[in-house]
């Protein structure tokens, strides 16, 4: 092997070692969701404006609408607002998670 290949290999090994020792940045703090703060949207249509306004009212990071019979993931997320809607897209219930 040439000196150039040895040097490149050494540099790559050093970079890998430094990357492994680096401390990861702390993830951004997730907002806590407060479903009660968004309860005024129950009975309203789940259009884009109402969904976003409800999300902001609840202090949530994200919002999702859940239709009857819809398959959803079951993982709990502190910063997620769930807007349960009926067949007419009317918000029937608001939860977090």
N, C-alpha and C. Protein backbone atom coordinates (compact mmCIF):
# COMPACT_ATOMS: atom_id res chain seq x y z
N UNK A 1 0.83 -1.17 0.00
CA UNK A 1 0.00 0.00 0.00
C UNK A 1 0.87 1.24 0.00
N UNK A 2 0.40 2.25 -0.65
CA UNK A 2 1.16 3.49 -0.71
C UNK A 2 0.97 4.28 0.57
N UNK A 3 1.84 5.25 0.77
CA UNK A 3 1.73 6.11 1.95
C UNK A 3 0.41 6.88 1.93
N UNK A 4 -0.05 7.21 0.72
CA UNK A 4 -1.31 7.95 0.59
C UNK A 4 -2.47 7.11 1.13
N UNK A 5 -2.51 5.82 0.77
CA UNK A 5 -3.58 4.96 1.26
C UNK A 5 -3.52 4.78 2.78
N UNK A 6 -2.32 4.67 3.31
CA UNK A 6 -2.14 4.54 4.75
C UNK A 6 -2.62 5.80 5.45
N UNK A 7 -2.28 6.96 4.88
CA UNK A 7 -2.69 8.23 5.47
C UNK A 7 -4.22 8.38 5.44
N UNK A 8 -4.83 8.05 4.32
CA UNK A 8 -6.29 8.14 4.20
C UNK A 8 -6.95 7.18 5.19
N UNK A 9 -6.43 5.98 5.30
CA UNK A 9 -6.97 5.01 6.26
C UNK A 9 -6.86 5.51 7.69
N UNK A 10 -5.74 6.12 8.03
CA UNK A 10 -5.54 6.66 9.37
C UNK A 10 -6.51 7.80 9.65
N UNK A 11 -6.71 8.66 8.66
CA UNK A 11 -7.64 9.77 8.83
C UNK A 11 -9.06 9.26 9.03
N UNK A 12 -9.44 8.26 8.25
CA UNK A 12 -10.79 7.70 8.39
C UNK A 12 -10.97 7.05 9.76
N UNK A 13 -9.97 6.34 10.21
CA UNK A 13 -10.05 5.70 11.52
C UNK A 13 -10.16 6.75 12.63
N UNK A 14 -9.41 7.83 12.51
CA UNK A 14 -9.46 8.90 13.51
C UNK A 14 -10.83 9.57 13.52
N UNK A 15 -11.35 9.83 12.33
CA UNK A 15 -12.66 10.47 12.24
C UNK A 15 -13.74 9.59 12.84
N UNK A 16 -13.65 8.29 12.59
CA UNK A 16 -14.62 7.35 13.14
C UNK A 16 -14.53 7.33 14.67
N UNK A 17 -13.32 7.32 15.19
CA UNK A 17 -13.13 7.30 16.64
C UNK A 17 -13.68 8.57 17.27
N UNK A 18 -13.44 9.71 16.65
CA UNK A 18 -13.94 10.97 17.19
C UNK A 18 -15.46 11.01 17.16
N UNK A 19 -16.04 10.49 16.09
CA UNK A 19 -17.50 10.47 15.99
C UNK A 19 -18.09 9.60 17.08
N UNK A 20 -17.46 8.48 17.37
CA UNK A 20 -17.97 7.57 18.39
C UNK A 20 -17.91 8.20 19.77
N UNK A 21 -16.95 9.09 20.01
CA UNK A 21 -16.79 9.71 21.32
C UNK A 21 -17.63 10.97 21.48
N UNK A 22 -18.13 11.50 20.41
CA UNK A 22 -18.90 12.73 20.49
C UNK A 22 -20.20 12.49 21.25
N UNK A 23 -20.56 13.46 22.06
CA UNK A 23 -21.83 13.34 22.79
C UNK A 23 -22.94 13.85 21.90
N UNK A 24 -24.00 13.10 21.82
CA UNK A 24 -25.11 13.53 20.96
C UNK A 24 -25.80 14.75 21.56
N UNK A 25 -26.36 15.56 20.69
CA UNK A 25 -27.11 16.71 21.17
C UNK A 25 -28.39 16.22 21.84
N UNK A 26 -28.78 16.90 22.88
CA UNK A 26 -30.02 16.54 23.56
C UNK A 26 -31.19 16.82 22.62
N UNK A 27 -32.15 15.90 22.55
CA UNK A 27 -33.31 16.16 21.69
C UNK A 27 -34.10 17.34 22.22
N UNK A 28 -34.76 18.03 21.32
CA UNK A 28 -35.60 19.15 21.73
C UNK A 28 -36.70 18.63 22.66
N UNK A 29 -37.01 19.42 23.65
CA UNK A 29 -38.04 19.03 24.60
C UNK A 29 -39.39 18.99 23.88
N UNK A 30 -40.07 17.90 24.01
CA UNK A 30 -41.40 17.78 23.41
C UNK A 30 -42.39 18.59 24.24
N UNK A 31 -43.32 19.17 23.56
CA UNK A 31 -44.38 19.89 24.26
C UNK A 31 -45.26 18.89 24.99
N UNK A 32 -45.85 19.34 26.03
CA UNK A 32 -46.85 18.54 26.72
C UNK A 32 -48.20 18.92 26.14
N UNK A 33 -49.00 17.96 25.86
CA UNK A 33 -50.31 18.18 25.27
C UNK A 33 -51.35 18.36 26.38
N UNK A 34 -52.24 19.33 26.21
CA UNK A 34 -53.32 19.58 27.17
C UNK A 34 -54.63 19.54 26.39
N UNK A 35 -55.25 18.37 26.35
CA UNK A 35 -56.48 18.19 25.56
C UNK A 35 -57.60 19.09 26.04
N UNK A 36 -57.67 19.33 27.33
CA UNK A 36 -58.75 20.16 27.86
C UNK A 36 -58.68 21.59 27.32
N UNK A 37 -57.48 22.08 27.07
CA UNK A 37 -57.32 23.43 26.53
C UNK A 37 -57.88 23.55 25.12
N UNK A 38 -58.02 22.42 24.42
CA UNK A 38 -58.55 22.42 23.05
C UNK A 38 -60.00 21.95 23.00
N UNK A 39 -60.61 21.75 24.15
CA UNK A 39 -61.96 21.18 24.18
C UNK A 39 -63.01 22.04 23.49
N UNK A 40 -62.74 23.30 23.28
CA UNK A 40 -63.67 24.18 22.59
C UNK A 40 -63.86 23.81 21.12
N UNK A 41 -63.03 22.92 20.60
CA UNK A 41 -63.14 22.51 19.19
C UNK A 41 -64.04 21.29 19.00
N UNK A 42 -64.49 20.68 20.10
CA UNK A 42 -65.45 19.57 19.99
C UNK A 42 -66.73 20.14 19.38
N UNK A 43 -67.24 19.45 18.37
CA UNK A 43 -68.44 19.89 17.67
C UNK A 43 -68.15 20.68 16.41
N UNK A 44 -66.88 21.05 16.22
CA UNK A 44 -66.48 21.79 15.02
C UNK A 44 -65.97 20.83 13.96
N UNK A 45 -65.95 21.29 12.72
CA UNK A 45 -65.44 20.48 11.62
C UNK A 45 -63.92 20.40 11.71
N UNK A 46 -63.37 19.22 11.44
CA UNK A 46 -61.93 19.01 11.51
C UNK A 46 -61.27 19.43 10.20
N UNK A 47 -61.38 20.71 9.86
CA UNK A 47 -60.68 21.21 8.68
C UNK A 47 -59.28 21.64 9.10
N UNK A 48 -58.45 21.99 8.14
CA UNK A 48 -57.05 22.31 8.42
C UNK A 48 -56.92 23.43 9.45
N UNK A 49 -57.73 24.46 9.33
CA UNK A 49 -57.64 25.58 10.25
C UNK A 49 -58.00 25.21 11.67
N UNK A 50 -59.06 24.44 11.85
CA UNK A 50 -59.48 24.03 13.20
C UNK A 50 -58.50 23.04 13.82
N UNK A 51 -57.96 22.15 13.02
CA UNK A 51 -56.98 21.18 13.53
C UNK A 51 -55.74 21.91 14.02
N UNK A 52 -55.25 22.86 13.24
CA UNK A 52 -54.05 23.61 13.63
C UNK A 52 -54.34 24.48 14.86
N UNK A 53 -55.50 25.12 14.90
CA UNK A 53 -55.85 25.95 16.05
C UNK A 53 -55.97 25.10 17.31
N UNK A 54 -56.56 23.93 17.21
CA UNK A 54 -56.69 23.03 18.35
C UNK A 54 -55.32 22.58 18.82
N UNK A 55 -54.44 22.26 17.87
CA UNK A 55 -53.08 21.85 18.21
C UNK A 55 -52.37 22.94 19.01
N UNK A 56 -52.47 24.17 18.53
CA UNK A 56 -51.83 25.28 19.22
C UNK A 56 -52.44 25.50 20.60
N UNK A 57 -53.76 25.42 20.69
CA UNK A 57 -54.43 25.60 21.98
C UNK A 57 -53.97 24.57 23.00
N UNK A 58 -53.77 23.34 22.52
CA UNK A 58 -53.35 22.24 23.41
C UNK A 58 -51.86 22.28 23.72
N UNK A 59 -51.10 23.09 22.97
CA UNK A 59 -49.65 23.13 23.17
C UNK A 59 -48.96 21.89 22.64
N UNK A 60 -49.58 21.21 21.70
CA UNK A 60 -49.05 19.95 21.16
C UNK A 60 -48.08 20.21 20.01
N UNK A 61 -47.17 19.26 19.81
CA UNK A 61 -46.23 19.32 18.69
C UNK A 61 -46.93 19.00 17.38
N UNK A 62 -47.79 18.00 17.41
CA UNK A 62 -48.48 17.53 16.21
C UNK A 62 -49.92 17.20 16.56
N UNK A 63 -50.75 17.13 15.52
CA UNK A 63 -52.14 16.72 15.71
C UNK A 63 -52.49 15.72 14.62
N UNK A 64 -53.38 14.82 14.96
CA UNK A 64 -53.89 13.88 13.95
C UNK A 64 -55.38 13.72 14.16
N UNK A 65 -56.08 13.49 13.06
CA UNK A 65 -57.51 13.21 13.15
C UNK A 65 -57.69 11.71 13.06
N UNK A 66 -58.60 11.19 13.84
CA UNK A 66 -58.86 9.76 13.89
C UNK A 66 -60.31 9.51 13.53
N UNK A 67 -60.52 8.89 12.38
CA UNK A 67 -61.86 8.58 11.89
C UNK A 67 -62.35 7.26 12.46
N UNK A 68 -63.67 7.06 12.51
CA UNK A 68 -64.19 5.78 13.01
C UNK A 68 -63.64 4.60 12.20
N UNK A 69 -63.14 3.60 12.90
CA UNK A 69 -62.63 2.41 12.24
C UNK A 69 -61.24 2.55 11.64
N UNK A 70 -60.63 3.72 11.75
CA UNK A 70 -59.30 3.94 11.18
C UNK A 70 -58.25 3.16 11.96
N UNK A 71 -57.33 2.54 11.24
CA UNK A 71 -56.21 1.84 11.87
C UNK A 71 -55.18 2.89 12.27
N UNK A 72 -54.76 2.85 13.53
CA UNK A 72 -53.79 3.82 14.02
C UNK A 72 -52.69 3.11 14.81
N UNK A 73 -51.56 3.79 14.91
CA UNK A 73 -50.49 3.27 15.75
C UNK A 73 -50.86 3.51 17.20
N UNK A 74 -50.39 2.67 18.08
CA UNK A 74 -50.78 2.74 19.48
C UNK A 74 -49.70 3.31 20.39
N UNK A 75 -48.58 3.77 19.83
CA UNK A 75 -47.55 4.32 20.70
C UNK A 75 -48.03 5.64 21.29
N UNK A 76 -47.65 5.90 22.51
CA UNK A 76 -48.06 7.12 23.20
C UNK A 76 -47.02 8.19 22.94
N UNK A 77 -47.46 9.37 22.55
CA UNK A 77 -46.57 10.52 22.34
C UNK A 77 -47.11 11.69 23.13
N UNK A 78 -46.33 12.17 24.09
CA UNK A 78 -46.75 13.28 24.95
C UNK A 78 -47.20 14.50 24.17
N UNK A 79 -46.54 14.81 23.08
CA UNK A 79 -46.80 16.03 22.35
C UNK A 79 -47.78 15.90 21.20
N UNK A 80 -48.60 14.84 21.20
CA UNK A 80 -49.52 14.64 20.08
C UNK A 80 -50.97 14.82 20.52
N UNK A 81 -51.72 15.59 19.73
CA UNK A 81 -53.14 15.80 19.97
C UNK A 81 -53.92 14.90 19.02
N UNK A 82 -54.88 14.17 19.55
CA UNK A 82 -55.74 13.29 18.76
C UNK A 82 -57.13 13.89 18.68
N UNK A 83 -57.58 14.15 17.47
CA UNK A 83 -58.92 14.68 17.26
C UNK A 83 -59.77 13.56 16.69
N UNK A 84 -60.66 13.02 17.49
CA UNK A 84 -61.54 11.94 17.07
C UNK A 84 -62.72 12.57 16.34
N UNK A 85 -62.99 12.09 15.13
CA UNK A 85 -64.05 12.67 14.31
C UNK A 85 -65.07 11.61 13.93
N UNK A 86 -66.28 12.08 13.57
CA UNK A 86 -67.30 11.16 13.08
C UNK A 86 -67.24 11.11 11.55
N UNK A 87 -68.20 10.42 10.95
CA UNK A 87 -68.21 10.26 9.49
C UNK A 87 -68.35 11.58 8.74
N UNK A 88 -68.87 12.60 9.41
CA UNK A 88 -69.03 13.92 8.78
C UNK A 88 -67.84 14.85 9.08
N UNK A 89 -66.75 14.30 9.64
CA UNK A 89 -65.54 15.06 10.02
C UNK A 89 -65.80 16.08 11.14
N UNK A 90 -66.79 15.81 11.96
CA UNK A 90 -67.05 16.67 13.13
C UNK A 90 -66.23 16.10 14.29
N UNK A 91 -65.54 16.96 14.98
CA UNK A 91 -64.71 16.55 16.13
C UNK A 91 -65.65 16.13 17.26
N UNK A 92 -65.51 14.88 17.70
CA UNK A 92 -66.38 14.35 18.74
C UNK A 92 -65.68 14.23 20.10
N UNK A 93 -64.36 14.13 20.06
CA UNK A 93 -63.59 13.91 21.29
C UNK A 93 -62.16 14.33 21.02
N UNK A 94 -61.47 14.86 22.04
CA UNK A 94 -60.08 15.27 21.91
C UNK A 94 -59.28 14.63 23.03
N UNK A 95 -58.18 13.98 22.65
CA UNK A 95 -57.30 13.35 23.63
C UNK A 95 -55.84 13.66 23.27
N UNK A 96 -54.97 13.32 24.15
CA UNK A 96 -53.53 13.44 23.88
C UNK A 96 -52.93 12.04 23.85
N UNK A 97 -51.81 11.94 23.19
CA UNK A 97 -51.12 10.66 23.20
C UNK A 97 -50.68 10.15 21.91
